[in-house]
Amino acid sequence: MQHELPSTLKVATIWILVALALFFGIQAWQHQARQTRFVAGDGVIEIRRAEDGHYHWPGEINGRRVTFLIDTGATGTAISTALAAELGLKSEGEATSMTANGPARGQLMRADVALEGGVRAERLRITALPGLGPQPLLGMNVLGKLRWQQREGVLRIEMGER
């Protein structure tokens, strides 16, 4: 006696398998996109624009792994007050920063910043802001010391003396 599955169960199984294949295919594609978003070598760093329309640069603040949001409109580098507290950074004074949401009062601090590709800034002056999200902003106090250009969704940074 042969037992056969009901046709609705067969169809449901096929759709589940198709959905799983699609899910894993998209995950693999996104993983590959993340891997090729940041490329460094031969004195050049290339960062491709992410899906959110921004450039993200992996690095560290005082040895803690972070991913910076590159903000060419920001005068200085900024982090959240929560991250500053986690890192144990000490205030060196107060500052008012102009943000997209208007003026914000923050604390001036110093930290060592290391960016993938070999860019380093020791005792960099940063501002800790209470309303800032979890991702630090990399401002012109770092970017202004580099040779860079943005074209067709790629931020190209040439290493060497400016």
Protein backbone atom coordinates (compact mmCIF):
# COMPACT_ATOMS: atom_id res chain seq x y z
CA MET A 1 0.00 0.00 0.00
CA GLN A 2 1.49 3.27 -1.12
CA HIS A 3 0.99 6.39 1.03
CA GLU A 4 0.96 9.66 -0.87
CA LEU A 5 1.04 13.15 0.63
CA PRO A 6 -2.00 15.35 0.08
CA SER A 7 -1.54 17.77 -2.84
CA THR A 8 -1.85 20.88 -0.63
CA LEU A 9 1.05 19.65 1.50
CA LYS A 10 3.13 19.06 -1.66
CA VAL A 11 2.40 22.57 -2.92
CA ALA A 12 3.13 24.10 0.49
CA THR A 13 6.44 22.22 0.68
CA ILE A 14 7.46 23.47 -2.76
CA TRP A 15 6.63 27.09 -1.83
CA ILE A 16 8.57 26.78 1.43
CA LEU A 17 11.61 25.46 -0.45
CA VAL A 18 11.36 28.28 -3.01
CA ALA A 19 11.06 30.86 -0.21
CA LEU A 20 14.08 29.40 1.60
CA ALA A 21 16.17 29.41 -1.59
CA LEU A 22 15.20 33.02 -2.24
CA PHE A 23 15.95 34.02 1.36
CA PHE A 24 19.39 32.41 1.37
CA GLY A 25 20.16 33.83 -2.08
CA ILE A 26 19.37 37.36 -0.89
CA GLN A 27 21.43 36.84 2.27
CA ALA A 28 24.42 35.71 0.19
CA TRP A 29 24.02 38.68 -2.18
CA GLN A 30 23.87 41.15 0.75
CA HIS A 31 26.91 39.55 2.38
CA GLN A 32 28.85 39.89 -0.88
CA ALA A 33 27.74 43.53 -1.23
CA ARG A 34 28.97 44.29 2.30
CA GLN A 35 32.30 42.61 1.60
CA THR A 36 32.96 44.70 -1.53
CA ARG A 37 31.71 47.99 -0.03
CA PHE A 38 35.15 48.73 1.46
CA VAL A 39 38.34 48.02 -0.47
CA ALA A 40 41.84 49.15 0.54
CA GLY A 41 45.12 48.56 -1.25
CA ASP A 42 47.98 50.19 -3.16
CA GLY A 43 47.60 53.49 -1.34
CA VAL A 44 43.91 53.85 -2.22
CA ILE A 45 40.77 53.24 -0.20
CA GLU A 46 37.44 52.93 -1.99
CA ILE A 47 34.17 53.00 -0.09
CA ARG A 48 30.98 52.30 -2.00
CA ARG A 49 27.74 54.01 -1.03
CA ALA A 50 25.52 51.74 1.08
CA GLU A 51 21.84 51.04 0.54
CA ASP A 52 20.99 53.88 2.94
CA GLY A 53 22.74 56.36 0.60
CA HIS A 54 25.67 56.99 2.96
CA TYR A 55 29.30 55.98 3.13
CA HIS A 56 30.38 53.87 6.10
CA TRP A 57 34.00 53.44 7.19
CA PRO A 58 34.87 50.64 9.63
CA GLY A 59 37.34 51.45 12.35
CA GLU A 60 37.95 51.76 16.06
CA ILE A 61 37.65 54.35 18.81
CA ASN A 62 40.09 53.63 21.65
CA GLY A 63 40.27 50.01 20.44
CA ARG A 64 36.49 49.48 20.25
CA ARG A 65 35.17 48.38 16.84
CA VAL A 66 32.73 50.85 15.31
CA THR A 67 31.54 51.81 11.85
CA PHE A 68 31.66 55.53 11.17
CA LEU A 69 29.10 57.34 9.07
CA ILE A 70 31.08 59.69 6.84
CA ASP A 71 29.66 63.20 7.21
CA THR A 72 31.37 65.73 4.92
CA GLY A 73 29.04 68.41 6.29
CA ALA A 74 30.28 67.95 9.85
CA THR A 75 33.17 70.10 11.04
CA GLY A 76 34.23 67.53 13.61
CA THR A 77 33.84 63.90 14.54
CA ALA A 78 30.97 63.12 16.91
CA ILE A 79 29.82 60.17 19.00
CA SER A 80 26.84 59.57 21.23
CA THR A 81 27.12 60.33 24.93
CA ALA A 82 26.25 56.67 25.55
CA LEU A 83 29.29 55.51 23.54
CA ALA A 84 31.48 58.10 25.28
CA ALA A 85 30.37 56.71 28.66
CA GLU A 86 31.03 53.11 27.52
CA LEU A 87 34.53 54.13 26.44
CA GLY A 88 35.14 55.99 29.71
CA LEU A 89 36.01 59.25 27.94
CA LYS A 90 36.44 62.34 30.08
CA SER A 91 34.97 65.74 29.25
CA GLU A 92 37.37 68.56 28.41
CA GLY A 93 34.61 71.16 28.23
CA GLU A 94 31.28 71.92 26.65
CA ALA A 95 30.43 72.75 23.07
CA THR A 96 27.39 73.63 21.02
CA SER A 97 27.12 71.82 17.70
CA MET A 98 24.85 72.68 14.82
CA THR A 99 23.05 69.48 13.83
CA ALA A 100 20.34 68.70 11.31
CA ASN A 101 17.90 69.10 14.21
CA GLY A 102 19.31 72.45 15.29
CA PRO A 103 21.84 73.34 17.99
CA ALA A 104 22.84 70.62 20.44
CA ARG A 105 24.98 70.93 23.56
CA GLY A 106 27.66 68.32 23.94
CA GLN A 107 30.93 67.51 25.65
CA LEU A 108 34.38 67.87 24.07
CA MET A 109 36.57 64.80 24.51
CA ARG A 110 39.65 63.17 23.05
CA ALA A 111 40.02 59.66 21.69
CA ASP A 112 42.29 57.60 19.45
CA VAL A 113 40.66 56.79 16.11
CA ALA A 114 41.90 54.09 13.75
CA LEU A 115 40.18 53.59 10.39
CA GLU A 116 40.56 50.53 8.18
CA GLY A 117 43.06 51.18 5.43
CA GLY A 118 45.62 52.73 7.77
CA VAL A 119 44.20 56.15 8.68
CA ARG A 120 44.88 57.05 12.30
CA ALA A 121 44.20 60.09 14.46
CA GLU A 122 45.58 60.05 17.99
CA ARG A 123 43.94 62.12 20.70
CA LEU A 124 41.42 63.38 18.15
CA ARG A 125 39.04 66.00 19.49
CA ILE A 126 35.51 64.66 19.28
CA THR A 127 32.14 65.85 20.51
CA ALA A 128 29.80 63.61 22.48
CA LEU A 129 26.19 64.52 21.70
CA PRO A 130 23.14 63.27 23.63
CA GLY A 131 20.80 63.01 20.62
CA LEU A 132 23.21 61.19 18.31
CA GLY A 133 22.38 57.65 17.27
CA PRO A 134 24.65 54.67 17.86
CA GLN A 135 26.81 55.26 14.78
CA PRO A 136 29.67 57.76 15.19
CA LEU A 137 30.01 60.54 12.60
CA LEU A 138 33.39 61.02 10.92
CA GLY A 139 33.80 64.73 10.21
CA MET A 140 36.12 67.05 8.36
CA ASN A 141 38.64 67.16 11.21
CA VAL A 142 39.72 63.77 9.80
CA LEU A 143 38.47 63.90 6.21
CA GLY A 144 40.01 67.35 5.62
CA LYS A 145 43.49 65.87 6.08
CA LEU A 146 42.94 63.32 3.33
CA ARG A 147 42.79 63.54 -0.45
CA TRP A 148 39.40 62.25 -1.48
CA GLN A 149 36.79 62.53 -4.16
CA GLN A 150 33.28 61.19 -4.52
CA ARG A 151 31.97 60.06 -7.89
CA GLU A 152 29.30 57.64 -9.09
CA GLY A 153 28.63 56.20 -5.64
CA VAL A 154 32.28 55.62 -4.74
CA LEU A 155 34.31 57.63 -2.22
CA ARG A 156 37.96 57.31 -3.25
CA ILE A 157 40.64 58.23 -0.72
CA GLU A 158 44.27 58.47 -1.80
CA MET A 159 46.73 57.80 0.98
CA GLY A 160 49.87 59.87 1.27
CA GLU A 161 50.79 63.37 2.28
CA ARG A 162 48.36 66.09 1.43
